[in-house]
N, C-alpha and C. Protein backbone atom coordinates (compact mmCIF):
# COMPACT_ATOMS: atom_id res chain seq x y z
N MET A 1 -1.09 28.05 -0.80
CA MET A 1 0.13 27.38 -1.84
C MET A 1 0.26 25.93 -1.97
N ASN A 2 0.38 25.83 -3.52
CA ASN A 2 0.53 24.04 -3.40
C ASN A 2 1.81 23.16 -3.67
N THR A 3 1.42 21.89 -3.04
CA THR A 3 2.29 21.01 -2.48
C THR A 3 2.87 20.86 -3.98
N ILE A 4 4.29 20.35 -3.89
CA ILE A 4 4.92 19.70 -4.71
C ILE A 4 5.36 17.87 -4.36
N PHE A 5 4.55 17.03 -5.82
CA PHE A 5 4.85 15.46 -5.08
C PHE A 5 4.89 15.23 -6.15
N PHE A 6 5.76 14.22 -5.68
CA PHE A 6 6.84 12.98 -6.62
C PHE A 6 6.39 11.36 -5.69
N THR A 7 5.45 10.81 -6.88
CA THR A 7 5.95 8.86 -7.38
C THR A 7 6.70 8.20 -8.20
N SER A 8 6.03 7.26 -8.27
CA SER A 8 5.72 6.15 -9.19
C SER A 8 5.54 4.89 -8.90
N ASP A 9 5.14 3.72 -10.16
CA ASP A 9 5.69 2.98 -10.05
C ASP A 9 4.05 2.02 -9.73
N HIS A 10 2.50 2.92 -9.20
CA HIS A 10 1.64 2.52 -9.18
C HIS A 10 0.85 0.77 -9.49
N HIS A 11 1.57 0.92 -10.80
CA HIS A 11 0.72 -0.19 -11.49
C HIS A 11 -0.34 -1.01 -11.59
N PHE A 12 -1.30 0.81 -11.11
CA PHE A 12 -2.89 0.49 -11.57
C PHE A 12 -3.23 -0.90 -12.09
N GLY A 13 -3.68 -1.15 -12.04
CA GLY A 13 -4.66 -2.82 -12.31
C GLY A 13 -4.05 -4.04 -12.84
N HIS A 14 -2.13 -3.94 -11.95
CA HIS A 14 -1.86 -4.60 -12.39
C HIS A 14 -1.73 -6.21 -11.52
N ALA A 15 -2.75 -7.27 -11.75
CA ALA A 15 -3.04 -8.41 -10.48
C ALA A 15 -1.48 -8.70 -10.38
N ASN A 16 -0.76 -9.21 -11.39
CA ASN A 16 0.46 -9.86 -11.11
C ASN A 16 1.75 -8.70 -9.91
N ILE A 17 1.58 -7.53 -10.08
CA ILE A 17 2.59 -7.07 -9.51
C ILE A 17 2.45 -7.29 -7.70
N ILE A 18 1.66 -7.82 -7.17
CA ILE A 18 1.02 -7.90 -5.78
C ILE A 18 2.44 -9.25 -5.38
N ARG A 19 2.32 -9.89 -6.24
CA ARG A 19 3.12 -11.01 -6.24
C ARG A 19 4.61 -10.57 -6.55
N PHE A 20 4.72 -9.92 -7.61
CA PHE A 20 5.78 -10.05 -7.77
C PHE A 20 7.24 -8.83 -6.85
N CYS A 21 5.62 -8.45 -6.23
CA CYS A 21 6.86 -6.93 -4.79
C CYS A 21 6.42 -7.48 -4.48
N ASN A 22 5.79 -8.16 -3.69
CA ASN A 22 5.29 -9.08 -2.60
C ASN A 22 4.57 -7.57 -1.65
N ARG A 23 3.38 -6.55 -2.19
CA ARG A 23 2.89 -6.36 -1.59
C ARG A 23 1.56 -6.22 -1.23
N PRO A 24 0.92 -5.61 -0.09
CA PRO A 24 0.01 -6.71 0.87
C PRO A 24 -1.54 -6.27 0.85
N PHE A 25 -1.31 -6.77 -0.98
CA PHE A 25 -2.85 -6.59 -1.50
C PHE A 25 -3.75 -7.81 -1.70
N GLU A 26 -5.15 -8.17 -1.33
CA GLU A 26 -5.70 -9.63 -1.31
C GLU A 26 -5.77 -9.48 -3.44
N THR A 27 -6.20 -8.46 -3.42
CA THR A 27 -6.84 -7.95 -4.72
C THR A 27 -6.09 -7.27 -5.49
N VAL A 28 -6.31 -7.12 -6.92
CA VAL A 28 -5.71 -5.76 -7.95
C VAL A 28 -6.54 -4.97 -7.22
N GLU A 29 -8.06 -5.18 -6.69
CA GLU A 29 -9.05 -3.96 -6.79
C GLU A 29 -8.70 -3.37 -5.41
N GLN A 30 -8.34 -4.66 -4.39
CA GLN A 30 -8.26 -3.81 -3.07
C GLN A 30 -6.96 -2.64 -3.14
N MET A 31 -5.73 -3.28 -3.83
CA MET A 31 -4.50 -2.31 -4.18
C MET A 31 -5.05 -1.36 -5.01
N ASN A 32 -6.06 -1.45 -5.73
CA ASN A 32 -6.03 -0.25 -6.54
C ASN A 32 -6.65 1.14 -5.64
N GLN A 33 -7.70 0.77 -5.14
CA GLN A 33 -8.40 1.96 -3.76
C GLN A 33 -7.24 2.40 -2.62
N VAL A 34 -6.66 1.37 -2.45
CA VAL A 34 -5.23 1.61 -1.42
C VAL A 34 -4.85 2.80 -2.08
N MET A 35 -4.41 2.53 -3.05
CA MET A 35 -3.57 3.87 -3.47
C MET A 35 -3.98 4.59 -3.99
N ILE A 36 -5.15 4.82 -4.01
CA ILE A 36 -6.19 6.17 -4.78
C ILE A 36 -6.55 7.01 -3.84
N GLU A 37 -6.57 6.20 -2.32
CA GLU A 37 -7.00 6.87 -1.35
C GLU A 37 -5.63 7.47 -0.10
N ARG A 38 -4.54 6.35 -0.87
CA ARG A 38 -3.67 6.75 -0.33
C ARG A 38 -3.07 8.32 -1.04
N TRP A 39 -3.34 8.56 -2.04
CA TRP A 39 -2.33 9.80 -3.53
C TRP A 39 -3.62 10.61 -2.40
N ASN A 40 -5.24 10.62 -2.73
CA ASN A 40 -5.47 11.55 -2.79
C ASN A 40 -5.98 12.13 -1.26
N GLU A 41 -5.49 11.23 -0.09
CA GLU A 41 -5.40 11.45 1.60
C GLU A 41 -3.74 13.12 1.46
N LYS A 42 -3.03 12.56 1.01
CA LYS A 42 -1.37 13.81 0.72
C LYS A 42 -2.38 14.88 -0.86
N VAL A 43 -2.38 14.60 -1.57
CA VAL A 43 -1.99 15.33 -2.82
C VAL A 43 -3.89 16.02 -2.77
N LYS A 44 -4.00 17.63 -3.21
CA LYS A 44 -4.93 18.68 -3.32
C LYS A 44 -5.29 18.35 -4.25
N ALA A 45 -6.56 18.47 -4.52
CA ALA A 45 -6.87 18.97 -6.36
C ALA A 45 -5.96 19.57 -6.83
N ASN A 46 -4.95 21.19 -6.13
CA ASN A 46 -4.50 22.26 -7.20
C ASN A 46 -2.77 21.80 -6.75
N ASP A 47 -2.71 20.34 -6.46
CA ASP A 47 -0.71 20.36 -5.99
C ASP A 47 -0.49 19.49 -7.65
N MET A 48 0.90 19.82 -7.39
CA MET A 48 1.45 18.95 -8.93
C MET A 48 1.85 18.00 -8.71
N VAL A 49 2.30 16.73 -9.45
CA VAL A 49 2.75 15.40 -8.94
C VAL A 49 3.20 15.04 -10.55
N TYR A 50 4.81 14.63 -9.62
CA TYR A 50 5.43 14.41 -11.06
C TYR A 50 5.41 12.62 -10.24
N HIS A 51 5.15 12.31 -11.46
CA HIS A 51 4.87 10.84 -11.78
C HIS A 51 5.63 10.68 -12.89
N LEU A 52 6.52 9.16 -12.37
CA LEU A 52 7.98 8.71 -12.80
C LEU A 52 7.55 7.38 -13.29
N GLU A 53 6.19 7.25 -13.62
CA GLU A 53 5.89 6.19 -14.62
C GLU A 53 5.69 4.92 -14.64
N ASP A 54 5.54 4.06 -14.74
CA ASP A 54 4.42 3.03 -14.53
C ASP A 54 3.17 2.65 -13.62
N LEU A 55 2.03 3.97 -13.98
CA LEU A 55 1.27 4.23 -13.19
C LEU A 55 0.61 3.16 -13.40
N GLY A 56 -0.67 2.14 -14.54
CA GLY A 56 -1.16 1.33 -14.10
C GLY A 56 -0.77 0.17 -15.90
N LEU A 57 -1.16 -0.84 -15.51
CA LEU A 57 -0.75 -1.87 -16.42
C LEU A 57 -2.34 -2.16 -16.35
N THR A 58 -2.68 -1.76 -17.68
CA THR A 58 -4.42 -1.70 -17.72
C THR A 58 -4.90 -1.95 -19.06
N ASN A 59 -6.40 -1.77 -19.24
CA ASN A 59 -7.19 -0.95 -20.39
C ASN A 59 -6.89 0.38 -20.23
N ARG A 60 -6.87 1.12 -21.50
CA ARG A 60 -7.52 2.62 -21.44
C ARG A 60 -8.70 2.85 -20.76
N GLU A 61 -10.02 2.36 -20.80
CA GLU A 61 -10.49 2.64 -20.33
C GLU A 61 -10.98 3.16 -18.56
N ASN A 62 -10.63 1.67 -18.37
CA ASN A 62 -9.63 1.58 -16.99
C ASN A 62 -8.60 2.59 -16.51
N MET A 63 -7.48 2.98 -16.91
CA MET A 63 -6.57 3.94 -16.55
C MET A 63 -7.59 5.23 -17.19
N ALA A 64 -8.57 5.41 -17.60
CA ALA A 64 -9.07 6.90 -17.13
C ALA A 64 -9.63 6.96 -16.05
N GLU A 65 -10.44 6.06 -16.11
CA GLU A 65 -11.14 6.11 -14.82
C GLU A 65 -11.00 6.21 -13.22
N ILE A 66 -9.24 5.46 -13.09
CA ILE A 66 -8.23 6.12 -12.02
C ILE A 66 -8.22 7.42 -11.74
N ILE A 67 -7.18 7.22 -13.62
CA ILE A 67 -6.81 9.30 -13.27
C ILE A 67 -7.89 9.57 -12.52
N ASP A 68 -8.93 9.79 -13.69
CA ASP A 68 -9.99 10.74 -13.25
C ASP A 68 -10.12 10.87 -11.09
N GLN A 69 -9.21 9.99 -10.97
CA GLN A 69 -10.27 10.04 -9.25
C GLN A 69 -9.37 10.39 -8.21
N LEU A 70 -8.04 10.25 -9.11
CA LEU A 70 -6.58 11.24 -8.15
C LEU A 70 -6.30 12.36 -8.43
N ASN A 71 -6.25 12.62 -7.11
CA ASN A 71 -6.08 14.91 -7.16
C ASN A 71 -5.30 15.61 -7.72
N GLY A 72 -4.81 16.23 -8.01
CA GLY A 72 -3.94 16.67 -8.31
C GLY A 72 -3.54 17.01 -9.84
N LYS A 73 -2.63 18.24 -10.13
CA LYS A 73 -2.35 18.32 -11.72
C LYS A 73 -1.34 17.24 -11.67
N ILE A 74 -1.46 16.45 -12.43
CA ILE A 74 -0.64 14.50 -12.72
C ILE A 74 0.84 15.23 -14.03
N HIS A 75 1.92 15.29 -13.70
CA HIS A 75 3.24 15.79 -14.88
C HIS A 75 3.55 14.29 -15.28
N LEU A 76 3.51 13.50 -16.22
CA LEU A 76 3.62 12.14 -16.01
C LEU A 76 5.65 11.94 -16.57
N VAL A 77 6.05 11.61 -16.27
CA VAL A 77 8.07 11.34 -17.22
C VAL A 77 7.65 9.05 -17.75
N THR A 78 7.52 9.28 -17.99
CA THR A 78 7.59 7.37 -18.90
C THR A 78 8.29 6.99 -18.64
N GLY A 79 8.00 5.49 -18.33
CA GLY A 79 8.73 4.45 -18.38
C GLY A 79 8.75 3.54 -19.28
N ASN A 80 8.40 2.17 -18.23
CA ASN A 80 8.52 0.99 -19.75
C ASN A 80 7.61 0.77 -19.35
N HIS A 81 6.34 0.89 -19.11
CA HIS A 81 4.85 0.12 -18.27
C HIS A 81 3.69 1.57 -18.70
N GLU A 82 3.69 2.11 -19.97
CA GLU A 82 3.15 3.34 -20.49
C GLU A 82 1.97 3.34 -20.99
N GLY A 83 2.15 2.30 -21.59
CA GLY A 83 0.66 2.20 -22.74
C GLY A 83 -0.71 2.77 -22.24
N ALA A 84 -1.31 2.31 -20.99
CA ALA A 84 -2.10 2.65 -21.10
C ALA A 84 -2.78 3.79 -20.03
N ALA A 85 -1.30 4.60 -20.19
CA ALA A 85 -0.96 5.77 -19.47
C ALA A 85 -1.07 7.00 -20.83
N LEU A 86 -0.49 6.70 -21.95
CA LEU A 86 -0.51 7.29 -22.81
C LEU A 86 -1.16 6.98 -24.12
N SER A 87 -2.09 6.00 -23.57
CA SER A 87 -3.48 6.14 -24.43
C SER A 87 -4.70 7.23 -23.41
N ASN A 88 -4.14 7.62 -23.00
CA ASN A 88 -5.00 9.19 -22.06
C ASN A 88 -4.45 10.35 -21.69
N LYS A 89 -3.02 10.41 -23.02
CA LYS A 89 -2.43 11.73 -22.47
C LYS A 89 -3.35 12.83 -21.99
N LYS A 90 -4.08 13.39 -22.79
CA LYS A 90 -4.57 14.53 -23.00
C LYS A 90 -5.50 14.52 -20.51
N LYS A 91 -5.40 13.75 -20.40
CA LYS A 91 -5.72 14.07 -18.74
C LYS A 91 -4.21 13.95 -18.14
N PHE A 92 -3.18 14.25 -18.44
CA PHE A 92 -2.18 14.79 -17.94
C PHE A 92 -1.88 16.07 -18.07
N GLN A 93 -0.83 16.94 -17.46
CA GLN A 93 -0.11 18.22 -17.62
C GLN A 93 0.74 18.05 -18.53
N TRP A 94 1.65 16.97 -18.97
CA TRP A 94 2.42 16.82 -19.90
C TRP A 94 2.40 15.23 -20.14
N VAL A 95 3.05 15.00 -21.02
CA VAL A 95 4.06 13.82 -20.34
C VAL A 95 5.39 13.92 -21.51
N LYS A 96 6.74 13.31 -21.09
CA LYS A 96 8.16 14.10 -20.94
C LYS A 96 8.88 12.12 -20.62
N ASP A 97 9.43 12.23 -21.64
CA ASP A 97 11.05 11.09 -21.51
C ASP A 97 12.00 11.21 -19.83
N TYR A 98 11.83 12.26 -19.70
CA TYR A 98 13.35 13.38 -18.83
C TYR A 98 12.68 13.97 -18.70
N TYR A 99 12.77 15.79 -17.11
CA TYR A 99 12.57 16.62 -17.04
C TYR A 99 13.41 16.64 -16.21
N GLU A 100 14.08 17.95 -16.65
CA GLU A 100 14.82 18.95 -15.26
C GLU A 100 13.93 19.79 -14.69
N LEU A 101 13.94 19.70 -13.37
CA LEU A 101 12.48 20.44 -12.99
C LEU A 101 13.61 21.33 -11.68
N LYS A 102 13.40 22.81 -11.76
CA LYS A 102 14.14 23.91 -10.99
C LYS A 102 12.58 24.32 -9.65
N VAL A 103 12.93 24.18 -8.83
CA VAL A 103 11.30 24.47 -7.40
C VAL A 103 12.60 25.24 -6.74
N LYS A 104 11.55 26.61 -6.58
CA LYS A 104 11.84 27.69 -5.97
C LYS A 104 12.46 27.67 -5.06
N ASP A 105 13.34 27.83 -3.97
CA ASP A 105 13.21 27.60 -2.20
C ASP A 105 14.15 28.46 -1.34
N GLU A 106 13.23 29.41 -1.10
CA GLU A 106 13.87 30.67 0.00
C GLU A 106 15.37 30.14 0.45
N THR A 107 14.76 28.33 1.16
CA THR A 107 15.68 28.17 2.42
C THR A 107 17.39 27.16 2.35
N LEU A 108 17.14 27.49 0.66
CA LEU A 108 18.47 27.39 0.27
C LEU A 108 19.95 28.07 -0.07
N LYS A 109 21.27 27.26 0.44
CA LYS A 109 21.76 28.88 0.24
C LYS A 109 22.09 29.35 -1.19
N ASN A 110 21.60 29.23 -2.05
CA ASN A 110 21.41 30.94 -2.94
C ASN A 110 19.93 31.31 -2.96
N GLY A 111 19.20 30.31 -2.33
CA GLY A 111 17.49 30.90 -1.55
C GLY A 111 17.17 30.65 -3.47
N VAL A 112 17.27 30.18 -4.28
CA VAL A 112 17.18 30.21 -5.37
C VAL A 112 16.14 29.36 -6.18
N GLN A 113 16.47 27.91 -6.20
CA GLN A 113 16.52 27.20 -6.90
C GLN A 113 17.15 25.36 -6.91
N GLN A 114 16.10 24.65 -7.08
CA GLN A 114 16.58 23.22 -5.86
C GLN A 114 16.71 22.68 -7.73
N ARG A 115 17.96 22.13 -8.25
CA ARG A 115 17.93 21.54 -9.57
C ARG A 115 17.25 19.86 -8.78
N ILE A 116 16.16 19.55 -9.63
CA ILE A 116 15.61 17.92 -9.50
C ILE A 116 15.35 17.68 -11.10
N ILE A 117 16.32 15.69 -11.58
CA ILE A 117 16.85 14.94 -12.53
C ILE A 117 15.51 14.60 -12.32
N LEU A 118 14.30 13.86 -12.88
CA LEU A 118 13.44 13.28 -12.86
C LEU A 118 13.70 11.82 -14.39
N PHE A 119 14.03 11.05 -13.75
CA PHE A 119 13.50 10.25 -14.50
C PHE A 119 12.89 8.91 -14.55
N HIS A 120 11.98 7.73 -14.89
CA HIS A 120 12.08 6.44 -14.39
C HIS A 120 13.03 5.58 -14.17
N TYR A 121 14.55 5.29 -14.65
CA TYR A 121 15.47 4.65 -13.53
C TYR A 121 16.63 5.85 -13.28
N ALA A 122 17.09 4.79 -12.33
CA ALA A 122 18.22 5.20 -11.37
C ALA A 122 19.31 5.59 -12.51
N MET A 123 20.58 6.60 -11.83
CA MET A 123 21.95 7.25 -12.71
C MET A 123 22.53 7.54 -12.00
N ARG A 124 23.56 6.97 -12.04
CA ARG A 124 24.90 7.13 -11.79
C ARG A 124 25.24 8.45 -11.40
N VAL A 125 24.88 8.73 -12.90
CA VAL A 125 24.91 10.40 -13.12
C VAL A 125 24.84 10.87 -13.19
N TRP A 126 24.47 12.44 -13.28
CA TRP A 126 23.74 12.97 -14.22
C TRP A 126 23.37 14.99 -14.19
N ASN A 127 23.18 15.25 -14.84
CA ASN A 127 23.99 16.74 -15.26
C ASN A 127 23.42 17.28 -13.89
N GLY A 128 24.01 18.23 -13.51
CA GLY A 128 24.41 18.86 -11.60
C GLY A 128 24.85 17.66 -10.61
N SER A 129 24.97 16.43 -11.05
CA SER A 129 24.78 15.49 -9.78
C SER A 129 26.43 16.02 -8.98
N HIS A 130 27.25 16.57 -10.04
CA HIS A 130 28.29 17.14 -9.13
C HIS A 130 28.07 18.38 -8.22
N ARG A 131 27.04 19.17 -8.70
CA ARG A 131 26.68 20.52 -8.27
C ARG A 131 26.03 20.56 -6.95
N GLY A 132 24.61 18.92 -6.61
CA GLY A 132 23.74 19.91 -5.63
C GLY A 132 22.47 18.91 -6.49
N THR A 133 22.23 18.92 -7.57
CA THR A 133 20.94 18.62 -8.02
C THR A 133 20.81 17.21 -7.75
N TRP A 134 19.26 16.88 -7.22
CA TRP A 134 19.30 15.36 -6.78
C TRP A 134 19.21 14.93 -8.06
N GLN A 135 18.58 13.43 -7.92
CA GLN A 135 17.92 12.59 -8.98
C GLN A 135 17.04 11.63 -8.48
N LEU A 136 15.82 11.66 -9.02
CA LEU A 136 14.47 10.76 -8.32
C LEU A 136 14.01 10.33 -9.15
N TYR A 137 14.03 9.10 -8.99
CA TYR A 137 13.91 7.68 -10.20
C TYR A 137 12.74 7.10 -9.29
N GLY A 138 12.01 6.03 -10.75
CA GLY A 138 11.33 5.05 -9.57
C GLY A 138 11.82 2.95 -10.33
N HIS A 139 10.83 2.23 -11.05
CA HIS A 139 11.56 1.46 -11.79
C HIS A 139 11.81 0.26 -10.60
N SER A 140 12.26 0.58 -9.68
CA SER A 140 12.60 -0.22 -8.63
C SER A 140 12.35 -1.18 -7.96
N HIS A 141 11.12 -0.60 -7.52
CA HIS A 141 10.25 -1.36 -6.24
C HIS A 141 11.16 -1.37 -5.16
N GLY A 142 11.96 -0.51 -5.03
CA GLY A 142 12.05 -0.63 -3.71
C GLY A 142 13.34 -2.13 -3.27
N GLU A 143 13.95 -2.12 -4.51
CA GLU A 143 14.73 -3.39 -3.92
C GLU A 143 16.40 -2.79 -4.92
N LEU A 144 16.64 -1.56 -5.19
CA LEU A 144 17.60 -0.94 -5.48
C LEU A 144 18.11 -0.05 -3.92
N PRO A 145 19.48 -0.69 -3.66
CA PRO A 145 19.36 -0.10 -2.05
C PRO A 145 19.91 1.82 -2.68
N ASP A 146 19.88 1.93 -1.92
CA ASP A 146 20.06 3.42 -2.07
C ASP A 146 21.50 3.99 -1.36
N LEU A 147 22.18 4.90 -2.65
CA LEU A 147 23.40 5.68 -1.61
C LEU A 147 23.72 6.79 -0.94
N GLN A 148 23.88 6.37 0.76
CA GLN A 148 24.03 7.52 0.96
C GLN A 148 24.85 9.12 0.27
N ASP A 149 26.12 8.51 -0.12
CA ASP A 149 26.75 9.75 -0.15
C ASP A 149 26.19 9.90 -1.82
N GLN A 150 24.33 9.66 -2.14
CA GLN A 150 24.11 10.60 -3.61
C GLN A 150 23.39 10.92 -3.24
N LEU A 151 22.70 11.99 -3.80
CA LEU A 151 21.64 12.77 -4.13
C LEU A 151 20.68 12.09 -4.95
N ALA A 152 19.88 11.19 -4.90
CA ALA A 152 19.02 10.37 -5.44
C ALA A 152 18.42 8.96 -4.60
N PHE A 153 17.04 9.17 -4.98
CA PHE A 153 16.48 8.10 -4.42
C PHE A 153 15.49 7.63 -5.01
N ASP A 154 15.37 5.92 -4.64
CA ASP A 154 14.01 5.74 -5.33
C ASP A 154 12.35 6.21 -4.29
N VAL A 155 11.06 7.36 -5.66
CA VAL A 155 10.75 7.47 -5.05
C VAL A 155 9.25 7.22 -5.28
N GLY A 156 9.74 5.72 -5.91
CA GLY A 156 8.03 4.49 -5.88
C GLY A 156 7.41 4.18 -4.80
N VAL A 157 6.30 3.92 -5.37
CA VAL A 157 5.54 3.87 -3.87
C VAL A 157 5.42 2.74 -3.04
N ASP A 158 6.32 1.82 -3.81
CA ASP A 158 7.10 0.18 -2.79
C ASP A 158 7.82 0.88 -1.81
N SER A 159 9.14 1.69 -1.72
CA SER A 159 9.39 2.29 -0.95
C SER A 159 8.79 3.27 -0.29
N HIS A 160 7.49 3.86 -0.32
CA HIS A 160 7.14 5.25 0.75
C HIS A 160 5.12 4.63 1.41
N ASP A 161 5.25 3.59 1.59
CA ASP A 161 3.88 3.13 1.78
C ASP A 161 3.36 2.91 0.91
N PHE A 162 3.25 3.30 -0.45
CA PHE A 162 2.44 3.51 -1.34
C PHE A 162 1.65 5.17 -1.69
N TYR A 163 2.50 5.70 -0.59
CA TYR A 163 1.69 6.98 -0.72
C TYR A 163 3.14 8.52 -1.42
N PRO A 164 2.76 8.68 -1.68
CA PRO A 164 3.12 9.87 -3.18
C PRO A 164 4.57 10.92 -1.85
N ILE A 165 5.10 11.15 -2.19
CA ILE A 165 6.17 12.01 -1.63
C ILE A 165 5.80 13.19 -1.25
N SER A 166 6.04 14.33 -0.92
CA SER A 166 5.96 15.23 -0.99
C SER A 166 7.61 16.07 -1.59
N TYR A 167 8.25 17.56 -1.59
CA TYR A 167 9.15 17.68 -1.29
C TYR A 167 9.73 17.95 -0.60
N GLU A 168 9.01 18.72 0.21
CA GLU A 168 9.82 19.37 1.44
C GLU A 168 10.26 17.53 2.28
N GLU A 169 9.50 15.96 1.95
CA GLU A 169 10.17 15.19 2.69
C GLU A 169 11.10 14.60 2.35
N VAL A 170 10.90 14.78 0.66
CA VAL A 170 12.75 15.10 -0.23
C VAL A 170 13.59 15.36 0.05
N LYS A 171 13.22 17.13 0.99
CA LYS A 171 14.28 17.89 1.19
C LYS A 171 15.12 17.20 2.22
N ALA A 172 13.93 16.59 3.30
CA ALA A 172 14.00 15.84 4.54
C ALA A 172 15.71 14.51 3.87
N ILE A 173 14.58 13.75 3.50
CA ILE A 173 15.75 12.84 3.11
C ILE A 173 17.38 12.84 2.45
N MET A 174 17.02 13.84 1.11
CA MET A 174 18.34 14.23 1.15
C MET A 174 19.48 15.00 2.12
N LYS A 175 18.50 15.83 2.97
CA LYS A 175 19.28 16.26 4.08
C LYS A 175 20.70 15.58 4.81
N GLN A 176 19.47 13.58 5.31
CA GLN A 176 20.55 13.12 6.11
C GLN A 176 22.17 12.48 4.92
N LYS A 177 21.18 12.36 4.00
CA LYS A 177 22.74 11.85 3.04
C LYS A 177 24.37 12.15 3.96
N THR A 178 25.16 12.14 3.15
CA THR A 178 26.76 11.96 3.18
C THR A 178 27.60 13.05 2.37
N TRP A 179 25.78 12.98 1.42
CA TRP A 179 27.05 14.01 0.00
C TRP A 179 27.88 14.87 0.16
N THR A 180 28.46 15.59 -0.30
CA THR A 180 29.35 16.41 -0.20
C THR A 180 29.95 16.96 -1.92
N PRO A 181 30.37 17.94 -2.25
CA PRO A 181 30.56 18.61 -3.66
C PRO A 181 32.46 17.77 -3.34
N PRO A 182 32.44 16.96 -5.28
CA PRO A 182 33.24 16.44 -5.03
C PRO A 182 34.50 17.14 -5.53
N PHE A 183 34.35 19.00 -5.89
CA PHE A 183 35.84 19.38 -5.35
C PHE A 183 36.04 20.17 -4.46
N GLU A 184 34.88 20.04 -3.42
CA GLU A 184 35.07 20.85 -2.47
C GLU A 184 36.58 21.06 -1.20
N ASN A 185 37.22 20.16 -1.44
CA ASN A 185 38.73 19.58 -0.58
C ASN A 185 39.79 19.27 -0.98
N GLN A 186 39.71 19.82 -2.79
CA GLN A 186 40.35 19.50 -3.70
C GLN A 186 41.99 20.94 -3.03
N VAL A 187 43.27 20.54 -2.96
CA VAL A 187 44.04 21.76 -2.87
C VAL A 187 44.38 21.71 -4.71
N THR A 188 44.70 23.29 -4.58
CA THR A 188 45.21 23.53 -6.06
C THR A 188 46.95 23.76 -5.48
N VAL A 189 47.46 23.55 -6.75
CA VAL A 189 48.74 23.85 -6.45
C VAL A 189 49.41 24.79 -7.64
């Protein structure tokens, strides 16, 4: 069975991100190598990866070499630093600005699907947010406080020790949140 993964904000090839985000790497080459290794540690060849952009800030050729080293079938949701990735569009399953993913999950109450909004940026509300739809985002590099009463969080590498995060890991995090449906306890007159 193929696994679904989510990730964001690798910034492959971007030397300044080491300083900007206080990443524990001495060189951009070391950062790239560690992130490629950690990606491939978890992601297998036929797994689905939803990357919420800022994949890399480098030239087209270097980005192509990096993408070719990454396992999985990569779906790209665009962000604000995608020039090198977009110059390699054919290496992705698809490229979209926003995506509403439906994951079949037999463990859910309805036994059918979990809806997930994928967007590079965090939102306060999103389609289905009042019905238990999750929102996964990046962009904040772990600097945006996680809200325990919202079914949303940062899947960026700076928040997950430079690893992609699986659907099952996301589900475990969502189960720990205190979110309740907004209309669940309302009394009708």
